[in-house]
Amino acid sequence: MIVTTTPSIEGKRIVAYHGIVSGEAILGANVFRDLLASVRDFLGGRSGAYERVLRDSRNAAIEDMVSEAQRLGANAIVGVDLDYGAVGQGESMLMVTAAGTAVTVS
């Protein structure tokens, strides 16, 4: 499965459009991770725990989107857009969405 943010794939021809596909992932951050992140913010530097949560969430959303495209018979997704946001009480949960157009290329 080819997944790209571009509207086309160089060297490939889109022969069928299957529609918009998307995937979502919502993951909660735990209190221990929040505490470590606040210490990291105070001292400076990157928050590895949150970076892992972001990466895992992004990968899960993309996997869901790819599964939907495969069910439609597509072999590629073009025009992929990733969005991030916080949801829930106190914005304690991370939401990642991935959306694109499922296509068949040759």
PDB file of N, CA and C in Angstrom:
ATOM      1  N   MET A   1       0.852  -1.176   0.000  1.00  0.00           N
ATOM      2  CA  MET A   1       0.000   0.000   0.000  1.00  0.00           C
ATOM      3  C   MET A   1       0.899   1.240   0.000  1.00  0.00           C
ATOM      4  N   ILE A   2       0.710   2.085  -0.973  1.00  0.00           N
ATOM      5  CA  ILE A   2       1.436   3.352  -1.036  1.00  0.00           C
ATOM      6  C   ILE A   2       0.579   4.395  -0.327  1.00  0.00           C
ATOM      7  N   VAL A   3       1.186   5.118   0.608  1.00  0.00           N
ATOM      8  CA  VAL A   3       0.495   6.174   1.344  1.00  0.00           C
ATOM      9  C   VAL A   3       1.325   7.443   1.199  1.00  0.00           C
ATOM     10  N   THR A   4       0.697   8.506   0.656  1.00  0.00           N
ATOM     11  CA  THR A   4       1.445   9.726   0.406  1.00  0.00           C
ATOM     12  C   THR A   4       0.596  10.969   0.643  1.00  0.00           C
ATOM     13  N   THR A   5       1.251  12.041   1.019  1.00  0.00           N
ATOM     14  CA  THR A   5       0.554  13.311   1.215  1.00  0.00           C
ATOM     15  C   THR A   5       0.349  14.049  -0.106  1.00  0.00           C
ATOM     16  N   THR A   6       1.008  13.605  -1.148  1.00  0.00           N
ATOM     17  CA  THR A   6       0.895  14.265  -2.454  1.00  0.00           C
ATOM     18  C   THR A   6      -0.378  13.825  -3.173  1.00  0.00           C
ATOM     19  N   PRO A   7      -0.876  14.637  -4.114  1.00  0.00           N
ATOM     20  CA  PRO A   7      -2.120  14.283  -4.811  1.00  0.00           C
ATOM     21  C   PRO A   7      -1.938  13.234  -5.903  1.00  0.00           C
ATOM     22  N   SER A   8      -0.707  12.891  -6.218  1.00  0.00           N
ATOM     23  CA  SER A   8      -0.419  11.874  -7.229  1.00  0.00           C
ATOM     24  C   SER A   8       0.856  11.147  -6.829  1.00  0.00           C
ATOM     25  N   ILE A   9       1.145  10.065  -7.566  1.00  0.00           N
ATOM     26  CA  ILE A   9       2.342   9.279  -7.289  1.00  0.00           C
ATOM     27  C   ILE A   9       3.165   9.253  -8.572  1.00  0.00           C
ATOM     28  N   GLU A  10       4.349   9.804  -8.495  1.00  0.00           N
ATOM     29  CA  GLU A  10       5.183   9.892  -9.682  1.00  0.00           C
ATOM     30  C   GLU A  10       5.427   8.500 -10.269  1.00  0.00           C
ATOM     31  N   GLY A  11       5.241   8.398 -11.584  1.00  0.00           N
ATOM     32  CA  GLY A  11       5.450   7.137 -12.274  1.00  0.00           C
ATOM     33  C   GLY A  11       4.261   6.192 -12.213  1.00  0.00           C
ATOM     34  N   LYS A  12       3.207   6.592 -11.535  1.00  0.00           N
ATOM     35  CA  LYS A  12       1.997   5.761 -11.420  1.00  0.00           C
ATOM     36  C   LYS A  12       0.818   6.541 -11.987  1.00  0.00           C
ATOM     37  N   ARG A  13      -0.156   5.796 -12.475  1.00  0.00           N
ATOM     38  CA  ARG A  13      -1.369   6.416 -13.009  1.00  0.00           C
ATOM     39  C   ARG A  13      -2.547   5.966 -12.159  1.00  0.00           C
ATOM     40  N   ILE A  14      -3.350   6.926 -11.698  1.00  0.00           N
ATOM     41  CA  ILE A  14      -4.547   6.584 -10.935  1.00  0.00           C
ATOM     42  C   ILE A  14      -5.596   6.086 -11.923  1.00  0.00           C
ATOM     43  N   VAL A  15      -6.042   4.847 -11.705  1.00  0.00           N
ATOM     44  CA  VAL A  15      -7.020   4.252 -12.625  1.00  0.00           C
ATOM     45  C   VAL A  15      -8.411   4.141 -12.005  1.00  0.00           C
ATOM     46  N   ALA A  16      -8.504   4.299 -10.680  1.00  0.00           N
ATOM     47  CA  ALA A  16      -9.814   4.259 -10.019  1.00  0.00           C
ATOM     48  C   ALA A  16      -9.744   5.009  -8.697  1.00  0.00           C
ATOM     49  N   TYR A  17     -10.815   5.724  -8.405  1.00  0.00           N
ATOM     50  CA  TYR A  17     -10.974   6.412  -7.127  1.00  0.00           C
ATOM     51  C   TYR A  17     -12.017   5.649  -6.311  1.00  0.00           C
ATOM     52  N   HIS A  18     -11.694   5.381  -5.047  1.00  0.00           N
ATOM     53  CA  HIS A  18     -12.593   4.610  -4.189  1.00  0.00           C
ATOM     54  C   HIS A  18     -13.247   5.458  -3.108  1.00  0.00           C
ATOM     55  N   GLY A  19     -12.841   6.704  -2.985  1.00  0.00           N
ATOM     56  CA  GLY A  19     -13.447   7.597  -2.000  1.00  0.00           C
ATOM     57  C   GLY A  19     -12.507   7.956  -0.865  1.00  0.00           C
ATOM     58  N   ILE A  20     -13.027   8.782   0.010  1.00  0.00           N
ATOM     59  CA  ILE A  20     -12.265   9.254   1.164  1.00  0.00           C
ATOM     60  C   ILE A  20     -12.209   8.147   2.215  1.00  0.00           C
ATOM     61  N   VAL A  21     -11.028   7.968   2.780  1.00  0.00           N
ATOM     62  CA  VAL A  21     -10.840   7.020   3.878  1.00  0.00           C
ATOM     63  C   VAL A  21     -10.217   7.770   5.046  1.00  0.00           C
ATOM     64  N   SER A  22     -10.467   7.276   6.248  1.00  0.00           N
ATOM     65  CA  SER A  22      -9.903   7.944   7.414  1.00  0.00           C
ATOM     66  C   SER A  22      -9.629   6.939   8.518  1.00  0.00           C
ATOM     67  N   GLY A  23      -8.829   7.366   9.436  1.00  0.00           N
ATOM     68  CA  GLY A  23      -8.530   6.585  10.630  1.00  0.00           C
ATOM     69  C   GLY A  23      -8.383   7.534  11.795  1.00  0.00           C
ATOM     70  N   GLU A  24      -8.789   7.093  12.954  1.00  0.00           N
ATOM     71  CA  GLU A  24      -8.708   7.921  14.144  1.00  0.00           C
ATOM     72  C   GLU A  24      -8.084   7.132  15.280  1.00  0.00           C
ATOM     73  N   ALA A  25      -7.372   7.838  16.125  1.00  0.00           N
ATOM     74  CA  ALA A  25      -6.819   7.217  17.328  1.00  0.00           C
ATOM     75  C   ALA A  25      -6.927   8.236  18.453  1.00  0.00           C
ATOM     76  N   ILE A  26      -7.460   7.778  19.578  1.00  0.00           N
ATOM     77  CA  ILE A  26      -7.555   8.630  20.761  1.00  0.00           C
ATOM     78  C   ILE A  26      -6.886   7.874  21.895  1.00  0.00           C
ATOM     79  N   LEU A  27      -5.863   8.480  22.436  1.00  0.00           N
ATOM     80  CA  LEU A  27      -5.117   7.846  23.526  1.00  0.00           C
ATOM     81  C   LEU A  27      -5.048   8.783  24.713  1.00  0.00           C
ATOM     82  N   GLY A  28      -5.187   8.227  25.895  1.00  0.00           N
ATOM     83  CA  GLY A  28      -5.094   9.023  27.110  1.00  0.00           C
ATOM     84  C   GLY A  28      -3.667   9.085  27.612  1.00  0.00           C
ATOM     85  N   ALA A  29      -3.359  10.181  28.236  1.00  0.00           N
ATOM     86  CA  ALA A  29      -2.051  10.341  28.875  1.00  0.00           C
ATOM     87  C   ALA A  29      -2.238  10.079  30.364  1.00  0.00           C
ATOM     88  N   ASN A  30      -1.321   9.332  30.954  1.00  0.00           N
ATOM     89  CA  ASN A  30      -1.509   9.014  32.370  1.00  0.00           C
ATOM     90  C   ASN A  30      -0.830  10.045  33.269  1.00  0.00           C
ATOM     91  N   VAL A  31      -1.164  10.002  34.551  1.00  0.00           N
ATOM     92  CA  VAL A  31      -0.679  10.984  35.516  1.00  0.00           C
ATOM     93  C   VAL A  31       0.836  10.922  35.644  1.00  0.00           C
ATOM     94  N   PHE A  32       1.420   9.736  35.669  1.00  0.00           N
ATOM     95  CA  PHE A  32       2.870   9.604  35.804  1.00  0.00           C
ATOM     96  C   PHE A  32       3.586  10.266  34.633  1.00  0.00           C
ATOM     97  N   ARG A  33       3.084  10.018  33.408  1.00  0.00           N
ATOM     98  CA  ARG A  33       3.672  10.626  32.216  1.00  0.00           C
ATOM     99  C   ARG A  33       3.535  12.150  32.281  1.00  0.00           C
ATOM    100  N   ASP A  34       2.371  12.634  32.735  1.00  0.00           N
ATOM    101  CA  ASP A  34       2.158  14.079  32.861  1.00  0.00           C
ATOM    102  C   ASP A  34       3.143  14.690  33.851  1.00  0.00           C
ATOM    103  N   LEU A  35       3.383  14.006  34.956  1.00  0.00           N
ATOM    104  CA  LEU A  35       4.312  14.496  35.963  1.00  0.00           C
ATOM    105  C   LEU A  35       5.721  14.583  35.381  1.00  0.00           C
ATOM    106  N   LEU A  36       6.154  13.530  34.690  1.00  0.00           N
ATOM    107  CA  LEU A  36       7.486  13.552  34.079  1.00  0.00           C
ATOM    108  C   LEU A  36       7.594  14.652  33.022  1.00  0.00           C
ATOM    109  N   ALA A  37       6.532  14.854  32.255  1.00  0.00           N
ATOM    110  CA  ALA A  37       6.547  15.895  31.224  1.00  0.00           C
ATOM    111  C   ALA A  37       6.646  17.277  31.855  1.00  0.00           C
ATOM    112  N   SER A  38       5.958  17.489  32.977  1.00  0.00           N
ATOM    113  CA  SER A  38       6.027  18.806  33.613  1.00  0.00           C
ATOM    114  C   SER A  38       7.418  19.061  34.173  1.00  0.00           C
ATOM    115  N   VAL A  39       8.083  18.024  34.697  1.00  0.00           N
ATOM    116  CA  VAL A  39       9.466  18.169  35.155  1.00  0.00           C
ATOM    117  C   VAL A  39      10.364  18.490  33.969  1.00  0.00           C
ATOM    118  N   ARG A  40      10.157  17.797  32.855  1.00  0.00           N
ATOM    119  CA  ARG A  40      10.943  18.024  31.644  1.00  0.00           C
ATOM    120  C   ARG A  40      10.732  19.451  31.134  1.00  0.00           C
ATOM    121  N   ASP A  41       9.464  19.917  31.163  1.00  0.00           N
ATOM    122  CA  ASP A  41       9.174  21.290  30.742  1.00  0.00           C
ATOM    123  C   ASP A  41       9.919  22.295  31.613  1.00  0.00           C
ATOM    124  N   PHE A  42       9.966  22.035  32.924  1.00  0.00           N
ATOM    125  CA  PHE A  42      10.636  22.935  33.855  1.00  0.00           C
ATOM    126  C   PHE A  42      12.143  22.946  33.609  1.00  0.00           C
ATOM    127  N   LEU A  43      12.718  21.778  33.371  1.00  0.00           N
ATOM    128  CA  LEU A  43      14.161  21.667  33.186  1.00  0.00           C
ATOM    129  C   LEU A  43      14.589  21.914  31.743  1.00  0.00           C
ATOM    130  N   GLY A  44      13.664  21.793  30.827  1.00  0.00           N
ATOM    131  CA  GLY A  44      13.988  21.945  29.404  1.00  0.00           C
ATOM    132  C   GLY A  44      14.238  20.595  28.764  1.00  0.00           C
ATOM    133  N   GLY A  45      14.174  20.563  27.464  1.00  0.00           N
ATOM    134  CA  GLY A  45      14.426  19.321  26.745  1.00  0.00           C
ATOM    135  C   GLY A  45      13.159  18.734  26.165  1.00  0.00           C
ATOM    136  N   ARG A  46      13.322  17.606  25.512  1.00  0.00           N
ATOM    137  CA  ARG A  46      12.206  16.935  24.836  1.00  0.00           C
ATOM    138  C   ARG A  46      11.528  15.964  25.779  1.00  0.00           C
ATOM    139  N   SER A  47      10.245  15.757  25.562  1.00  0.00           N
ATOM    140  CA  SER A  47       9.473  14.806  26.361  1.00  0.00           C
ATOM    141  C   SER A  47       9.314  13.517  25.566  1.00  0.00           C
ATOM    142  N   GLY A  48      10.193  12.577  25.823  1.00  0.00           N
ATOM    143  CA  GLY A  48      10.172  11.304  25.111  1.00  0.00           C
ATOM    144  C   GLY A  48       8.867  10.549  25.285  1.00  0.00           C
ATOM    145  N   ALA A  49       8.259  10.631  26.469  1.00  0.00           N
ATOM    146  CA  ALA A  49       7.011   9.909  26.724  1.00  0.00           C
ATOM    147  C   ALA A  49       5.907  10.432  25.811  1.00  0.00           C
ATOM    148  N   TYR A  50       5.773  11.735  25.709  1.00  0.00           N
ATOM    149  CA  TYR A  50       4.738  12.302  24.847  1.00  0.00           C
ATOM    150  C   TYR A  50       5.053  12.082  23.375  1.00  0.00           C
ATOM    151  N   GLU A  51       6.319  12.120  23.018  1.00  0.00           N
ATOM    152  CA  GLU A  51       6.689  11.857  21.624  1.00  0.00           C
ATOM    153  C   GLU A  51       6.291  10.434  21.226  1.00  0.00           C
ATOM    154  N   ARG A  52       6.474   9.475  22.125  1.00  0.00           N
ATOM    155  CA  ARG A  52       6.065   8.096  21.846  1.00  0.00           C
ATOM    156  C   ARG A  52       4.553   7.995  21.694  1.00  0.00           C
ATOM    157  N   VAL A  53       3.809   8.685  22.549  1.00  0.00           N
ATOM    158  CA  VAL A  53       2.346   8.671  22.455  1.00  0.00           C
ATOM    159  C   VAL A  53       1.906   9.259  21.117  1.00  0.00           C
ATOM    160  N   LEU A  54       2.517  10.371  20.711  1.00  0.00           N
ATOM    161  CA  LEU A  54       2.190  10.979  19.420  1.00  0.00           C
ATOM    162  C   LEU A  54       2.483  10.025  18.269  1.00  0.00           C
ATOM    163  N   ARG A  55       3.653   9.412  18.297  1.00  0.00           N
ATOM    164  CA  ARG A  55       4.055   8.490  17.229  1.00  0.00           C
ATOM    165  C   ARG A  55       3.117   7.274  17.177  1.00  0.00           C
ATOM    166  N   ASP A  56       2.815   6.700  18.340  1.00  0.00           N
ATOM    167  CA  ASP A  56       1.922   5.539  18.389  1.00  0.00           C
ATOM    168  C   ASP A  56       0.523   5.899  17.896  1.00  0.00           C
ATOM    169  N   SER A  57       0.045   7.066  18.275  1.00  0.00           N
ATOM    170  CA  SER A  57      -1.279   7.518  17.844  1.00  0.00           C
ATOM    171  C   SER A  57      -1.317   7.734  16.341  1.00  0.00           C
ATOM    172  N   ARG A  58      -0.301   8.380  15.813  1.00  0.00           N
ATOM    173  CA  ARG A  58      -0.224   8.621  14.367  1.00  0.00           C
ATOM    174  C   ARG A  58      -0.206   7.295  13.609  1.00  0.00           C
ATOM    175  N   ASN A  59       0.617   6.357  14.061  1.00  0.00           N
ATOM    176  CA  ASN A  59       0.703   5.055  13.396  1.00  0.00           C
ATOM    177  C   ASN A  59      -0.627   4.303  13.453  1.00  0.00           C
ATOM    178  N   ALA A  60      -1.325   4.367  14.580  1.00  0.00           N
ATOM    179  CA  ALA A  60      -2.616   3.684  14.708  1.00  0.00           C
ATOM    180  C   ALA A  60      -3.650   4.291  13.763  1.00  0.00           C
ATOM    181  N   ALA A  61      -3.678   5.626  13.660  1.00  0.00           N
ATOM    182  CA  ALA A  61      -4.629   6.289  12.759  1.00  0.00           C
ATOM    183  C   ALA A  61      -4.337   5.919  11.306  1.00  0.00           C
ATOM    184  N   ILE A  62      -3.066   5.893  10.937  1.00  0.00           N
ATOM    185  CA  ILE A  62      -2.691   5.529   9.564  1.00  0.00           C
ATOM    186  C   ILE A  62      -3.048   4.072   9.284  1.00  0.00           C
ATOM    187  N   GLU A  63      -2.803   3.185  10.240  1.00  0.00           N
ATOM    188  CA  GLU A  63      -3.148   1.763  10.057  1.00  0.00           C
ATOM    189  C   GLU A  63      -4.646   1.589   9.841  1.00  0.00           C
ATOM    190  N   ASP A  64      -5.464   2.317  10.601  1.00  0.00           N
ATOM    191  CA  ASP A  64      -6.923   2.239  10.425  1.00  0.00           C
ATOM    192  C   ASP A  64      -7.325   2.732   9.043  1.00  0.00           C
ATOM    193  N   MET A  65      -6.715   3.824   8.592  1.00  0.00           N
ATOM    194  CA  MET A  65      -7.010   4.387   7.274  1.00  0.00           C
ATOM    195  C   MET A  65      -6.628   3.394   6.178  1.00  0.00           C
ATOM    196  N   VAL A  66      -5.470   2.772   6.304  1.00  0.00           N
ATOM    197  CA  VAL A  66      -5.005   1.787   5.321  1.00  0.00           C
ATOM    198  C   VAL A  66      -5.953   0.584   5.284  1.00  0.00           C
ATOM    199  N   SER A  67      -6.395   0.124   6.444  1.00  0.00           N
ATOM    200  CA  SER A  67      -7.327  -1.010   6.492  1.00  0.00           C
ATOM    201  C   SER A  67      -8.619  -0.684   5.754  1.00  0.00           C
ATOM    202  N   GLU A  68      -9.122   0.514   5.936  1.00  0.00           N
ATOM    203  CA  GLU A  68     -10.344   0.932   5.244  1.00  0.00           C
ATOM    204  C   GLU A  68     -10.116   0.966   3.730  1.00  0.00           C
ATOM    205  N   ALA A  69      -8.969   1.487   3.303  1.00  0.00           N
ATOM    206  CA  ALA A  69      -8.656   1.546   1.868  1.00  0.00           C
ATOM    207  C   ALA A  69      -8.547   0.140   1.279  1.00  0.00           C
ATOM    208  N   GLN A  70      -7.933  -0.779   2.009  1.00  0.00           N
ATOM    209  CA  GLN A  70      -7.809  -2.153   1.528  1.00  0.00           C
ATOM    210  C   GLN A  70      -9.168  -2.812   1.384  1.00  0.00           C
ATOM    211  N   ARG A  71     -10.082  -2.549   2.318  1.00  0.00           N
ATOM    212  CA  ARG A  71     -11.447  -3.103   2.225  1.00  0.00           C
ATOM    213  C   ARG A  71     -12.165  -2.601   0.974  1.00  0.00           C
ATOM    214  N   LEU A  72     -11.813  -1.401   0.528  1.00  0.00           N
ATOM    215  CA  LEU A  72     -12.419  -0.831  -0.674  1.00  0.00           C
ATOM    216  C   LEU A  72     -11.744  -1.315  -1.955  1.00  0.00           C
ATOM    217  N   GLY A  73     -10.640  -2.056  -1.838  1.00  0.00           N
ATOM    218  CA  GLY A  73      -9.928  -2.564  -3.001  1.00  0.00           C
ATOM    219  C   GLY A  73      -8.855  -1.648  -3.528  1.00  0.00           C
ATOM    220  N   ALA A  74      -8.475  -0.639  -2.769  1.00  0.00           N
ATOM    221  CA  ALA A  74      -7.438   0.308  -3.196  1.00  0.00           C
ATOM    222  C   ALA A  74      -6.047  -0.264  -2.945  1.00  0.00           C
ATOM    223  N   ASN A  75      -5.069   0.243  -3.703  1.00  0.00           N
ATOM    224  CA  ASN A  75      -3.679  -0.134  -3.448  1.00  0.00           C
ATOM    225  C   ASN A  75      -2.816   1.079  -3.115  1.00  0.00           C
ATOM    226  N   ALA A  76      -3.472   2.240  -2.943  1.00  0.00           N
ATOM    227  CA  ALA A  76      -2.749   3.460  -2.572  1.00  0.00           C
ATOM    228  C   ALA A  76      -3.716   4.450  -1.941  1.00  0.00           C
ATOM    229  N   ILE A  77      -3.147   5.385  -1.176  1.00  0.00           N
ATOM    230  CA  ILE A  77      -3.919   6.497  -0.619  1.00  0.00           C
ATOM    231  C   ILE A  77      -3.137   7.764  -0.926  1.00  0.00           C
ATOM    232  N   VAL A  78      -3.792   8.713  -1.566  1.00  0.00           N
ATOM    233  CA  VAL A  78      -3.149   9.982  -1.914  1.00  0.00           C
ATOM    234  C   VAL A  78      -3.791  11.120  -1.130  1.00  0.00           C
ATOM    235  N   GLY A  79      -3.059  12.240  -1.055  1.00  0.00           N
ATOM    236  CA  GLY A  79      -3.583  13.430  -0.395  1.00  0.00           C
ATOM    237  C   GLY A  79      -3.802  13.265   1.091  1.00  0.00           C
ATOM    238  N   VAL A  80      -2.966  12.482   1.744  1.00  0.00           N
ATOM    239  CA  VAL A  80      -3.148  12.206   3.166  1.00  0.00           C
ATOM    240  C   VAL A  80      -2.887  13.463   3.992  1.00  0.00           C
ATOM    241  N   ASP A  81      -3.784  13.688   4.957  1.00  0.00           N
ATOM    242  CA  ASP A  81      -3.661  14.815   5.883  1.00  0.00           C
ATOM    243  C   ASP A  81      -3.725  14.261   7.295  1.00  0.00           C
ATOM    244  N   LEU A  82      -2.818  14.697   8.147  1.00  0.00           N
ATOM    245  CA  LEU A  82      -2.807  14.291   9.549  1.00  0.00           C
ATOM    246  C   LEU A  82      -3.184  15.492  10.409  1.00  0.00           C
ATOM    247  N   ASP A  83      -4.085  15.267  11.349  1.00  0.00           N
ATOM    248  CA  ASP A  83      -4.490  16.323  12.277  1.00  0.00           C
ATOM    249  C   ASP A  83      -4.341  15.819  13.700  1.00  0.00           C
ATOM    250  N   TYR A  84      -3.944  16.720  14.593  1.00  0.00           N
ATOM    251  CA  TYR A  84      -3.754  16.398  15.998  1.00  0.00           C
ATOM    252  C   TYR A  84      -4.623  17.327  16.833  1.00  0.00           C
ATOM    253  N   GLY A  85      -5.133  16.819  17.944  1.00  0.00           N
ATOM    254  CA  GLY A  85      -5.917  17.657  18.843  1.00  0.00           C
ATOM    255  C   GLY A  85      -6.027  17.010  20.204  1.00  0.00           C
ATOM    256  N   ALA A  86      -6.498  17.794  21.157  1.00  0.00           N
ATOM    257  CA  ALA A  86      -6.722  17.297  22.509  1.00  0.00           C
ATOM    258  C   ALA A  86      -8.222  17.292  22.761  1.00  0.00           C
ATOM    259  N   VAL A  87      -8.708  16.222  23.378  1.00  0.00           N
ATOM    260  CA  VAL A  87     -10.134  16.080  23.652  1.00  0.00           C
ATOM    261  C   VAL A  87     -10.325  15.560  25.066  1.00  0.00           C
ATOM    262  N   GLY A  88     -11.564  15.547  25.509  1.00  0.00           N
ATOM    263  CA  GLY A  88     -11.891  15.005  26.813  1.00  0.00           C
ATOM    264  C   GLY A  88     -11.852  16.062  27.890  1.00  0.00           C
ATOM    265  N   GLN A  89     -12.231  15.628  29.080  1.00  0.00           N
ATOM    266  CA  GLN A  89     -12.251  16.531  30.218  1.00  0.00           C
ATOM    267  C   GLN A  89     -10.837  17.017  30.504  1.00  0.00           C
ATOM    268  N   GLY A  90     -10.649  18.303  30.495  1.00  0.00           N
ATOM    269  CA  GLY A  90      -9.325  18.878  30.716  1.00  0.00           C
ATOM    270  C   GLY A  90      -8.369  18.605  29.579  1.00  0.00           C
ATOM    271  N   GLU A  91      -8.927  18.271  28.424  1.00  0.00           N
ATOM    272  CA  GLU A  91      -8.107  17.939  27.250  1.00  0.00           C
ATOM    273  C   GLU A  91      -7.025  16.928  27.600  1.00  0.00           C
ATOM    274  N   SER A  92      -7.429  15.879  28.307  1.00  0.00           N
ATOM    275  CA  SER A  92      -6.474  14.887  28.805  1.00  0.00           C
ATOM    276  C   SER A  92      -6.196  13.765  27.819  1.00  0.00           C
ATOM    277  N   MET A  93      -6.858  13.798  26.669  1.00  0.00           N
ATOM    278  CA  MET A  93      -6.650  12.739  25.696  1.00  0.00           C
ATOM    279  C   MET A  93      -6.176  13.324  24.374  1.00  0.00           C
ATOM    280  N   LEU A  94      -5.306  12.594  23.713  1.00  0.00           N
ATOM    281  CA  LEU A  94      -4.756  13.011  22.433  1.00  0.00           C
ATOM    282  C   LEU A  94      -5.530  12.342  21.312  1.00  0.00           C
ATOM    283  N   MET A  95      -5.949  13.141  20.326  1.00  0.00           N
ATOM    284  CA  MET A  95      -6.661  12.596  19.176  1.00  0.00           C
ATOM    285  C   MET A  95      -5.834  12.868  17.923  1.00  0.00           C
ATOM    286  N   VAL A  96      -5.660  11.825  17.116  1.00  0.00           N
ATOM    287  CA  VAL A  96      -4.971  11.949  15.847  1.00  0.00           C
ATOM    288  C   VAL A  96      -5.902  11.402  14.769  1.00  0.00           C
ATOM    289  N   THR A  97      -6.076  12.161  13.695  1.00  0.00           N
ATOM    290  CA  THR A  97      -6.867  11.668  12.565  1.00  0.00           C
ATOM    291  C   THR A  97      -6.002  11.690  11.320  1.00  0.00           C
ATOM    292  N   ALA A  98      -6.204  10.689  10.495  1.00  0.00           N
ATOM    293  CA  ALA A  98      -5.534  10.594   9.194  1.00  0.00           C
ATOM    294  C   ALA A  98      -6.625  10.414   8.159  1.00  0.00           C
ATOM    295  N   ALA A  99      -6.576  11.204   7.080  1.00  0.00           N
ATOM    296  CA  ALA A  99      -7.591  11.095   6.033  1.00  0.00           C
ATOM    297  C   ALA A  99      -6.932  11.293   4.681  1.00  0.00           C
ATOM    298  N   GLY A 100      -7.448  10.590   3.677  1.00  0.00           N
ATOM    299  CA  GLY A 100      -6.924  10.712   2.322  1.00  0.00           C
ATOM    300  C   GLY A 100      -7.902  10.085   1.341  1.00  0.00           C
ATOM    301  N   THR A 101      -7.501  10.009   0.088  1.00  0.00           N
ATOM    302  CA  THR A 101      -8.332   9.426  -0.952  1.00  0.00           C
ATOM    303  C   THR A 101      -7.776   8.069  -1.351  1.00  0.00           C
ATOM    304  N   ALA A 102      -8.604   7.043  -1.221  1.00  0.00           N
ATOM    305  CA  ALA A 102      -8.214   5.688  -1.608  1.00  0.00           C
ATOM    306  C   ALA A 102      -8.300   5.564  -3.127  1.00  0.00           C
ATOM    307  N   VAL A 103      -7.240   5.065  -3.748  1.00  0.00           N
ATOM    308  CA  VAL A 103      -7.180   4.937  -5.198  1.00  0.00           C
ATOM    309  C   VAL A 103      -6.545   3.608  -5.570  1.00  0.00           C
ATOM    310  N   THR A 104      -6.733   3.254  -6.848  1.00  0.00           N
ATOM    311  CA  THR A 104      -5.990   2.153  -7.437  1.00  0.00           C
ATOM    312  C   THR A 104      -5.049   2.763  -8.463  1.00  0.00           C
ATOM    313  N   VAL A 105      -3.773   2.409  -8.347  1.00  0.00           N
ATOM    314  CA  VAL A 105      -2.777   2.904  -9.293  1.00  0.00           C
ATOM    315  C   VAL A 105      -2.193   1.744 -10.083  1.00  0.00           C
ATOM    316  N   SER A 106      -1.706   2.074 -11.274  1.00  0.00           N
ATOM    317  CA  SER A 106      -1.035   1.033 -12.079  1.00  0.00           C
ATOM    318  C   SER A 106       0.311   1.557 -12.548  1.00  0.00           C
TER     319      SER A 106
END
